[in-house]
Amino acid sequence: MKSKEFNPFEMAQAQFDRVAELLNLDEATRELLRNPLREYHFSIPVKMDDGSTKIFRGFRVQHNDARGPSKGGIRFHPQETVDTVRALAMWMTWKCAVVNIPLGGGKGGVICDPHHLSMKEQEQICRGWVRQMAKNVGPVNDVPAPDVMTNAQHMLWMLDEYEIITGGKYPGFITGKPVGMGGSLGRTEATGYGVIFTLREALKEMNIKPEETLASVQGFGNVAQYAIELYTQLGGKVIAVASWDEQDKCSYTFRKMDGINRSELLGITDKFGGIDKTKAKELGYEILEGDAWIEQDVDILIPAALENQIHADNVNKISKRVKIIAEGANGPTTIEADKVIQERNIFVIPDFLANAGGVTCSYFEQVQSNMNYYWEKEEVLAKLDTKMTNAYLSVSELARNKKLYMRDAAYVIAINRVAQACKDRGWV
């Protein structure tokens, strides 16, 4: 899904450099913020089910913790690279800052493919990751969470290993835990709902009723599923969804012109978000090539899979009807594609604003875990709505007043906040 030449960290740095220029940041602050404060590379030996021992490569990058403990997911992916983790850690710093929560950016990863690992092998990777990082993570300095191909079970194994090592109970060490084991109600929905909270505000500003809109979504994992759920509740209609097919090692777009049925699709989806093609066809879905999601004649595009999905080769396939791109994924749009989108005057809700619902709710979970007092689901989602709406309105207002592209406006707010924290601490 990613081209060999694409380097997400170089893209993250280029986005930062552009705004650092706008803000006229001094040289020391630029140098500090365009690179991680610290990073860890390590090996995780695992005794496989067949008796052999396999070594997995793991990473943790802490980009900046001037505003609070590092926060960020751990992803399991066969194509994981340290540059992807660096980029994601950097985006997490801006994400926490743009929604104004007292956390910094971190990210972790392991090069592995959970599709081909037993639960016992995955558990050993989780525990091995924590053993390597136990001295450098924790509730007051770095709080991990789930990400691509990791889930609540992985987080619980990690928490258990951390508590075995430290000899105490620290539910605030990690977020995305199962409800009842320190997890927060509403966390599962949070990222997808957050995307739609911001989309709802954008539609209001453009005087467009949600029920008069069509959308096409890339991805059918957690973010996409809950974005589709809430968008449909608001009256919108999703006509296409793209998902990765592990067997064929490529993605397909599933289209139904009278609107896809989320519950129906969930019934034929594996735990990684892969949709069964044969069953989808029986249910009346057209099976199109993976990139077809971007070509649909819709009002809204929601890329909610991986980075580098809207690029120079496909950006011109975007329909003239498209008015909004709400970025559910991290870094889905390359710099080259961004220029075209800007020229075409398509309104973008940038990734680190649109998908900040996940980290915001993770922050709520961390607060609840540290207090050992848990909120009701309605309270969590109401607080999430308030945070996401306020963050969106601040970015949108700055974009209008200063005639800035939305992505640049979000960066200006986030980078300003982090740079100020670094200055206040006397780091620069």
Protein backbone atom coordinates (compact mmCIF):
# COMPACT_ATOMS: atom_id res chain seq x y z
CA MET A 1 0.00 0.00 0.00
CA LYS A 2 3.01 2.29 0.28
CA SER A 3 5.49 3.14 -2.48
CA LYS A 4 9.16 2.48 -1.78
CA GLU A 5 10.21 6.10 -2.28
CA PHE A 6 7.68 7.57 0.13
CA ASN A 7 9.19 8.60 3.46
CA PRO A 8 6.53 9.75 5.95
CA PHE A 9 9.07 11.38 8.27
CA GLU A 10 10.43 13.56 5.45
CA MET A 11 6.84 14.55 4.68
CA ALA A 12 6.16 15.37 8.37
CA GLN A 13 9.35 17.48 8.48
CA ALA A 14 8.45 19.27 5.23
CA GLN A 15 4.99 20.13 6.64
CA PHE A 16 6.67 21.42 9.80
CA ASP A 17 9.32 23.42 7.91
CA ARG A 18 6.67 25.22 5.88
CA VAL A 19 4.84 26.39 9.03
CA ALA A 20 8.08 27.13 10.94
CA GLU A 21 8.80 29.58 8.09
CA LEU A 22 5.32 31.09 8.43
CA LEU A 23 5.81 31.50 12.19
CA ASN A 24 9.37 32.75 11.77
CA LEU A 25 10.57 30.27 14.43
CA ASP A 26 14.12 30.69 15.66
CA GLU A 27 16.75 28.16 14.53
CA ALA A 28 17.08 26.32 17.87
CA THR A 29 13.31 25.76 18.23
CA ARG A 30 13.13 24.51 14.63
CA GLU A 31 15.97 22.07 15.19
CA LEU A 32 14.40 20.83 18.44
CA LEU A 33 10.90 20.32 17.01
CA ARG A 34 11.77 18.81 13.62
CA ASN A 35 13.49 15.81 15.27
CA PRO A 36 12.49 13.42 18.11
CA LEU A 37 13.83 14.12 21.60
CA ARG A 38 14.68 10.42 21.95
CA GLU A 39 14.12 7.11 20.24
CA TYR A 40 14.63 3.46 21.12
CA HIS A 41 15.39 0.55 18.77
CA PHE A 42 15.43 -2.97 20.19
CA SER A 43 15.07 -6.69 19.46
CA ILE A 44 12.33 -8.92 20.87
CA PRO A 45 13.19 -12.64 20.86
CA VAL A 46 10.09 -14.85 20.70
CA LYS A 47 9.84 -18.62 21.11
CA MET A 48 7.49 -19.56 18.26
CA ASP A 49 4.82 -22.27 18.48
CA ASP A 50 6.91 -24.56 16.25
CA GLY A 51 9.80 -24.43 18.76
CA SER A 52 11.99 -22.05 16.75
CA THR A 53 13.06 -18.62 18.05
CA LYS A 54 12.34 -15.56 15.95
CA ILE A 55 13.69 -12.04 16.53
CA PHE A 56 11.29 -9.12 15.98
CA ARG A 57 12.42 -5.48 15.67
CA GLY A 58 10.68 -2.96 17.92
CA PHE A 59 10.71 0.85 18.20
CA ARG A 60 9.55 3.65 20.49
CA VAL A 61 9.96 7.28 19.50
CA GLN A 62 9.28 10.14 21.95
CA HIS A 63 9.05 13.25 19.79
CA ASN A 64 8.38 15.96 22.36
CA ASP A 65 7.11 15.97 25.94
CA ALA A 66 7.26 19.68 26.80
CA ARG A 67 3.46 19.81 27.31
CA GLY A 68 3.12 16.49 29.18
CA PRO A 69 3.90 12.76 29.04
CA SER A 70 4.44 11.29 25.56
CA LYS A 71 1.30 9.65 24.19
CA GLY A 72 0.88 7.42 21.18
CA GLY A 73 -0.04 4.03 19.83
CA ILE A 74 1.96 0.89 19.15
CA ARG A 75 1.35 -0.59 15.72
CA PHE A 76 2.15 -4.08 14.47
CA HIS A 77 2.84 -4.00 10.75
CA PRO A 78 5.04 -6.05 8.39
CA GLN A 79 6.16 -2.86 6.57
CA GLU A 80 6.82 -0.87 9.74
CA THR A 81 9.85 1.42 9.54
CA VAL A 82 11.42 3.72 12.09
CA ASP A 83 10.68 6.66 9.75
CA THR A 84 6.96 5.84 9.89
CA VAL A 85 7.15 5.75 13.70
CA ARG A 86 9.09 9.06 13.78
CA ALA A 87 6.47 10.73 11.58
CA LEU A 88 3.59 9.39 13.64
CA ALA A 89 5.25 10.51 16.90
CA MET A 90 5.68 14.01 15.46
CA TRP A 91 2.06 14.14 14.27
CA MET A 92 0.99 13.01 17.77
CA THR A 93 2.75 16.04 19.28
CA TRP A 94 0.74 18.37 17.02
CA LYS A 95 -2.45 16.34 17.56
CA CYS A 96 -2.31 16.67 21.36
CA ALA A 97 -1.48 20.36 21.05
CA VAL A 98 -4.23 21.22 18.55
CA VAL A 99 -6.95 19.77 20.84
CA ASN A 100 -5.13 21.33 23.81
CA ILE A 101 -4.62 18.27 26.00
CA PRO A 102 -1.55 18.18 28.33
CA LEU A 103 0.37 15.44 26.48
CA GLY A 104 3.27 15.17 24.06
CA GLY A 105 3.82 12.93 21.04
CA GLY A 106 5.14 9.39 21.02
CA LYS A 107 4.71 6.30 18.86
CA GLY A 108 5.79 2.68 18.88
CA GLY A 109 5.91 -0.24 16.52
CA VAL A 110 6.97 -3.80 15.89
CA ILE A 111 7.81 -5.21 12.46
CA CYS A 112 5.48 -8.23 12.38
CA ASP A 113 2.29 -9.47 10.74
CA PRO A 114 -0.36 -10.51 13.30
CA HIS A 115 -2.29 -12.24 10.47
CA HIS A 116 0.37 -14.98 10.61
CA LEU A 117 0.99 -15.12 14.38
CA SER A 118 -0.87 -17.12 17.01
CA MET A 119 -2.31 -15.31 20.05
CA LYS A 120 0.45 -16.85 22.19
CA GLU A 121 3.13 -15.46 19.83
CA GLN A 122 1.45 -12.02 19.82
CA GLU A 123 1.34 -12.06 23.62
CA GLN A 124 5.08 -12.75 23.76
CA ILE A 125 5.77 -9.81 21.41
CA CYS A 126 3.65 -7.53 23.66
CA ARG A 127 5.40 -8.63 26.84
CA GLY A 128 8.81 -8.48 25.13
CA TRP A 129 8.14 -4.90 23.97
CA VAL A 130 7.37 -3.84 27.55
CA ARG A 131 10.44 -5.64 28.95
CA GLN A 132 12.63 -3.64 26.57
CA MET A 133 10.91 -0.31 27.36
CA ALA A 134 9.83 -0.59 31.03
CA LYS A 135 12.43 1.91 32.31
CA ASN A 136 11.44 4.54 29.74
CA VAL A 137 7.63 4.38 29.69
CA GLY A 138 5.00 4.76 32.42
CA PRO A 139 1.98 6.77 33.58
CA VAL A 140 4.02 9.92 34.20
CA ASN A 141 6.42 9.88 31.23
CA ASP A 142 5.09 7.89 28.24
CA VAL A 143 1.64 6.30 27.87
CA PRO A 144 1.19 3.88 24.93
CA ALA A 145 -2.10 2.87 23.25
CA PRO A 146 -3.37 0.61 20.45
CA ASP A 147 -2.81 1.46 16.78
CA VAL A 148 -2.88 -0.43 13.47
CA MET A 149 -3.37 -4.18 14.10
CA THR A 150 -3.21 -3.88 17.91
CA ASN A 151 -6.20 -3.95 20.25
CA ALA A 152 -7.43 -3.97 23.86
CA GLN A 153 -6.10 -7.51 24.46
CA HIS A 154 -2.57 -6.47 23.39
CA MET A 155 -2.76 -3.46 25.74
CA LEU A 156 -3.83 -5.65 28.66
CA TRP A 157 -0.88 -8.02 28.14
CA MET A 158 1.43 -4.98 28.07
CA LEU A 159 -0.13 -3.55 31.23
CA ASP A 160 0.18 -6.89 32.99
CA GLU A 161 3.87 -7.17 32.07
CA TYR A 162 4.53 -3.58 33.22
CA GLU A 163 2.83 -4.27 36.57
CA ILE A 164 4.79 -7.52 37.02
CA ILE A 165 8.05 -5.58 36.46
CA THR A 166 7.15 -2.58 38.65
CA GLY A 167 5.31 -4.50 41.37
CA GLY A 168 2.27 -2.22 41.57
CA LYS A 169 -1.06 -1.41 39.91
CA TYR A 170 -0.69 1.29 37.25
CA PRO A 171 -3.80 1.28 35.01
CA GLY A 172 -2.77 4.75 33.78
CA PHE A 173 0.35 3.24 32.12
CA ILE A 174 -1.51 2.38 28.91
CA THR A 175 -4.84 3.27 27.26
CA GLY A 176 -7.20 1.41 24.95
CA LYS A 177 -7.65 -1.27 27.63
CA PRO A 178 -10.79 -3.42 27.88
CA VAL A 179 -13.70 -1.76 29.71
CA GLY A 180 -13.77 -3.22 33.22
CA MET A 181 -9.97 -3.49 33.25
CA GLY A 182 -9.31 0.24 33.35
CA GLY A 183 -10.60 1.03 29.86
CA SER A 184 -12.91 3.95 29.15
CA LEU A 185 -16.42 3.66 27.76
CA GLY A 186 -16.59 5.46 24.40
CA ARG A 187 -12.92 4.82 23.56
CA THR A 188 -13.77 2.34 20.78
CA GLU A 189 -15.93 4.90 18.97
CA ALA A 190 -13.75 7.92 19.76
CA THR A 191 -11.54 8.33 16.66
CA GLY A 192 -14.30 7.69 14.12
CA TYR A 193 -16.79 9.84 16.02
CA GLY A 194 -14.20 12.62 16.33
CA VAL A 195 -13.80 12.68 12.53
CA ILE A 196 -17.57 13.15 12.14
CA PHE A 197 -17.84 15.79 14.91
CA THR A 198 -15.40 17.94 12.90
CA LEU A 199 -17.12 17.06 9.61
CA ARG A 200 -20.49 18.09 11.11
CA GLU A 201 -19.05 21.52 12.01
CA ALA A 202 -17.54 21.94 8.52
CA LEU A 203 -20.88 21.14 6.89
CA LYS A 204 -22.60 23.68 9.20
CA GLU A 205 -20.13 26.38 8.14
CA MET A 206 -20.75 25.55 4.47
CA ASN A 207 -24.55 25.54 4.97
CA ILE A 208 -24.79 21.94 3.75
CA LYS A 209 -27.20 19.49 5.36
CA PRO A 210 -25.60 16.09 6.11
CA GLU A 211 -28.65 14.29 4.70
CA GLU A 212 -27.98 15.90 1.31
CA THR A 213 -24.43 14.44 1.12
CA LEU A 214 -22.78 11.27 -0.16
CA ALA A 215 -19.43 9.97 1.08
CA SER A 216 -16.77 7.46 0.06
CA VAL A 217 -14.51 5.92 2.73
CA GLN A 218 -11.11 4.26 2.49
CA GLY A 219 -10.56 1.58 5.12
CA PHE A 220 -12.95 -0.52 7.15
CA GLY A 221 -11.09 -0.77 10.45
CA ASN A 222 -12.13 0.82 13.73
CA VAL A 223 -11.91 4.47 12.57
CA ALA A 224 -13.86 3.93 9.35
CA GLN A 225 -16.54 1.76 10.97
CA TYR A 226 -17.47 4.32 13.64
CA ALA A 227 -17.14 7.28 11.26
CA ILE A 228 -19.63 5.53 8.96
CA GLU A 229 -21.94 4.80 11.93
CA LEU A 230 -22.16 8.42 13.14
CA TYR A 231 -22.20 9.97 9.65
CA THR A 232 -25.15 7.69 8.75
CA GLN A 233 -26.89 8.67 12.01
CA LEU A 234 -26.57 12.34 10.95
CA GLY A 235 -28.40 11.42 7.73
CA GLY A 236 -25.47 11.06 5.31
CA LYS A 237 -25.07 8.15 2.90
CA VAL A 238 -21.84 6.21 2.28
CA ILE A 239 -21.84 4.63 -1.19
CA ALA A 240 -18.33 3.11 -1.25
CA VAL A 241 -15.83 1.66 1.19
CA ALA A 242 -12.35 0.31 0.38
CA SER A 243 -10.70 -2.45 2.37
CA TRP A 244 -7.47 -4.46 2.31
CA ASP A 245 -7.72 -8.10 1.26
CA GLU A 246 -5.05 -10.10 3.10
CA GLN A 247 -5.44 -13.15 0.86
CA ASP A 248 -5.01 -11.25 -2.43
CA LYS A 249 -2.53 -8.74 -0.91
CA CYS A 250 -4.39 -5.80 -2.44
CA SER A 251 -7.39 -3.63 -1.63
CA TYR A 252 -10.86 -3.55 -3.16
CA THR A 253 -13.63 -0.97 -3.16
CA PHE A 254 -17.13 -2.18 -2.25
CA ARG A 255 -19.84 0.01 -3.75
CA LYS A 256 -23.60 0.17 -3.33
CA MET A 257 -25.20 3.20 -4.95
CA ASP A 258 -28.23 3.21 -2.63
CA GLY A 259 -25.91 3.25 0.41
CA ILE A 260 -23.79 0.65 2.14
CA ASN A 261 -25.12 -1.04 5.28
CA ARG A 262 -22.47 -0.92 8.01
CA SER A 263 -23.98 -3.72 10.12
CA GLU A 264 -24.36 -5.94 7.07
CA LEU A 265 -20.70 -5.41 6.10
CA LEU A 266 -19.52 -5.96 9.69
CA GLY A 267 -21.14 -9.39 9.54
CA ILE A 268 -18.77 -10.40 6.71
CA THR A 269 -15.61 -8.65 7.97
CA ASP A 270 -12.59 -10.21 9.70
CA LYS A 271 -11.03 -8.69 12.83
CA PHE A 272 -8.54 -6.68 10.72
CA GLY A 273 -11.29 -4.96 8.68
CA GLY A 274 -11.03 -7.24 5.61
CA ILE A 275 -14.40 -7.72 3.84
CA ASP A 276 -15.32 -11.10 2.32
CA LYS A 277 -15.65 -10.45 -1.46
CA THR A 278 -17.87 -13.44 -2.26
CA LYS A 279 -20.36 -12.65 0.48
CA ALA A 280 -20.33 -8.93 -0.42
CA LYS A 281 -21.21 -9.78 -4.02
CA GLU A 282 -24.11 -11.95 -2.79
CA LEU A 283 -25.36 -8.93 -0.79
CA GLY A 284 -25.42 -6.81 -3.95
CA TYR A 285 -22.13 -4.90 -3.63
CA GLU A 286 -20.07 -4.08 -6.71
CA ILE A 287 -16.42 -5.08 -6.24
CA LEU A 288 -14.14 -2.44 -7.79
CA GLU A 289 -10.37 -1.96 -7.70
CA GLY A 290 -8.79 -0.61 -4.51
CA ASP A 291 -8.27 2.97 -5.70
CA ALA A 292 -11.87 3.34 -6.94
CA TRP A 293 -12.96 4.85 -3.58
CA ILE A 294 -11.21 8.12 -4.53
CA GLU A 295 -12.96 8.42 -7.92
CA GLN A 296 -16.54 8.27 -6.61
CA ASP A 297 -18.99 11.07 -7.43
CA VAL A 298 -19.52 12.12 -3.79
CA ASP A 299 -19.40 15.26 -1.63
CA ILE A 300 -17.07 13.88 1.04
CA LEU A 301 -13.98 11.67 0.96
CA ILE A 302 -12.82 10.05 4.20
CA PRO A 303 -9.39 8.38 3.93
CA ALA A 304 -9.29 6.24 7.10
CA ALA A 305 -6.58 3.64 6.41
CA LEU A 306 -2.82 4.26 6.15
CA GLU A 307 -0.51 7.14 5.19
CA ASN A 308 0.32 8.08 1.54
CA GLN A 309 -3.08 7.20 0.06
CA ILE A 310 -3.87 10.45 -1.81
CA HIS A 311 -0.81 11.17 -3.93
CA ALA A 312 0.34 12.69 -7.23
CA ASP A 313 -0.81 9.63 -9.22
CA ASN A 314 -4.44 9.60 -8.05
CA VAL A 315 -5.28 13.11 -6.78
CA ASN A 316 -6.58 14.18 -10.21
CA LYS A 317 -9.10 11.32 -10.13
CA ILE A 318 -11.02 13.09 -7.34
CA SER A 319 -14.50 13.97 -8.62
CA LYS A 320 -15.40 17.64 -9.24
CA ARG A 321 -18.31 17.13 -6.85
CA VAL A 322 -16.03 16.56 -3.81
CA LYS A 323 -16.25 19.49 -1.37
CA ILE A 324 -14.61 18.07 1.79
CA ILE A 325 -11.81 15.63 2.60
CA ALA A 326 -11.90 14.55 6.26
CA GLU A 327 -8.64 12.76 7.03
CA GLY A 328 -9.37 9.87 9.40
CA ALA A 329 -5.93 8.33 8.77
CA ASN A 330 -2.53 9.76 9.74
CA GLY A 331 -0.71 11.42 6.84
CA PRO A 332 -2.99 10.13 4.06
CA THR A 333 -2.23 13.06 1.72
CA THR A 334 1.22 13.74 0.26
CA ILE A 335 2.60 17.26 -0.16
CA GLU A 336 2.20 17.07 -3.99
CA ALA A 337 -1.45 16.01 -3.68
CA ASP A 338 -2.07 18.71 -1.07
CA LYS A 339 -1.09 21.42 -3.59
CA VAL A 340 -3.64 20.11 -6.12
CA ILE A 341 -6.38 19.87 -3.44
CA GLN A 342 -5.63 23.44 -2.34
CA GLU A 343 -5.76 24.73 -5.93
CA ARG A 344 -9.10 23.00 -6.44
CA ASN A 345 -10.43 24.66 -3.30
CA ILE A 346 -11.48 21.38 -1.68
CA PHE A 347 -11.93 21.92 2.06
CA VAL A 348 -9.60 19.69 4.08
CA ILE A 349 -10.06 18.72 7.74
CA PRO A 350 -6.41 17.77 8.39
CA ASP A 351 -5.49 14.43 9.91
CA PHE A 352 -4.11 15.56 13.25
CA LEU A 353 -7.29 17.58 13.89
CA ALA A 354 -9.86 15.22 12.33
CA ASN A 355 -8.59 12.04 13.99
CA ALA A 356 -7.61 13.55 17.36
CA GLY A 357 -10.71 11.99 18.94
CA GLY A 358 -8.72 8.84 19.69
CA VAL A 359 -5.98 10.53 21.67
CA THR A 360 -8.50 12.85 23.36
CA CYS A 361 -10.47 9.86 24.61
CA SER A 362 -7.20 8.11 25.53
CA TYR A 363 -6.43 11.17 27.65
CA PHE A 364 -9.86 10.80 29.30
CA GLU A 365 -9.07 7.13 29.94
CA GLN A 366 -5.69 8.04 31.43
CA VAL A 367 -7.34 10.59 33.75
CA GLN A 368 -9.98 8.07 34.83
CA SER A 369 -7.37 5.33 35.40
CA ASN A 370 -5.15 7.63 37.46
CA MET A 371 -8.17 8.74 39.56
CA ASN A 372 -9.57 5.19 39.69
CA TYR A 373 -12.99 6.75 38.98
CA TYR A 374 -14.82 6.01 35.72
CA TRP A 375 -17.37 8.05 33.78
CA GLU A 376 -20.53 6.97 31.95
CA LYS A 377 -20.37 6.63 28.16
CA GLU A 378 -22.63 9.66 27.54
CA GLU A 379 -20.30 11.82 29.64
CA VAL A 380 -17.21 10.62 27.75
CA LEU A 381 -18.76 11.24 24.31
CA ALA A 382 -20.17 14.64 25.37
CA LYS A 383 -16.71 15.74 26.60
CA LEU A 384 -15.21 14.41 23.36
CA ASP A 385 -17.72 16.36 21.27
CA THR A 386 -16.91 19.57 23.20
CA LYS A 387 -13.13 19.12 22.79
CA MET A 388 -13.30 18.26 19.07
CA THR A 389 -15.78 21.04 18.28
CA ASN A 390 -13.74 23.68 20.11
CA ALA A 391 -10.52 22.55 18.41
CA TYR A 392 -12.17 22.58 14.97
CA LEU A 393 -13.68 26.05 15.49
CA SER A 394 -10.31 27.51 16.62
CA VAL A 395 -8.55 26.14 13.50
CA SER A 396 -11.36 27.15 11.17
CA GLU A 397 -11.48 30.70 12.59
CA LEU A 398 -7.70 31.14 12.23
CA ALA A 399 -7.84 29.78 8.66
CA ARG A 400 -10.54 32.31 7.75
CA ASN A 401 -8.98 35.30 9.52
CA LYS A 402 -5.45 34.73 8.22
CA LYS A 403 -6.55 33.28 4.85
CA LEU A 404 -4.66 30.05 5.58
CA TYR A 405 -5.18 26.52 4.25
CA MET A 406 -6.80 24.45 7.04
CA ARG A 407 -3.76 22.18 7.41
CA ASP A 408 -1.48 25.21 7.85
CA ALA A 409 -3.88 26.80 10.35
CA ALA A 410 -3.94 23.61 12.46
CA TYR A 411 -0.13 23.47 12.36
CA VAL A 412 0.19 27.13 13.35
CA ILE A 413 -1.92 26.57 16.49
CA ALA A 414 -0.21 23.29 17.43
CA ILE A 415 3.40 24.32 16.75
CA ASN A 416 2.89 27.64 18.55
CA ARG A 417 1.68 25.83 21.67
CA VAL A 418 4.56 23.33 21.70
CA ALA A 419 7.21 25.97 20.88
CA GLN A 420 5.89 28.14 23.71
CA ALA A 421 6.08 25.21 26.18
CA CYS A 422 9.70 24.57 25.13
CA LYS A 423 10.53 28.26 25.63
CA ASP A 424 8.74 28.42 28.98
CA ARG A 425 10.73 25.43 30.20
CA GLY A 426 13.97 27.12 29.12
CA TRP A 427 14.83 24.41 26.57
CA VAL A 428 15.40 26.97 23.82
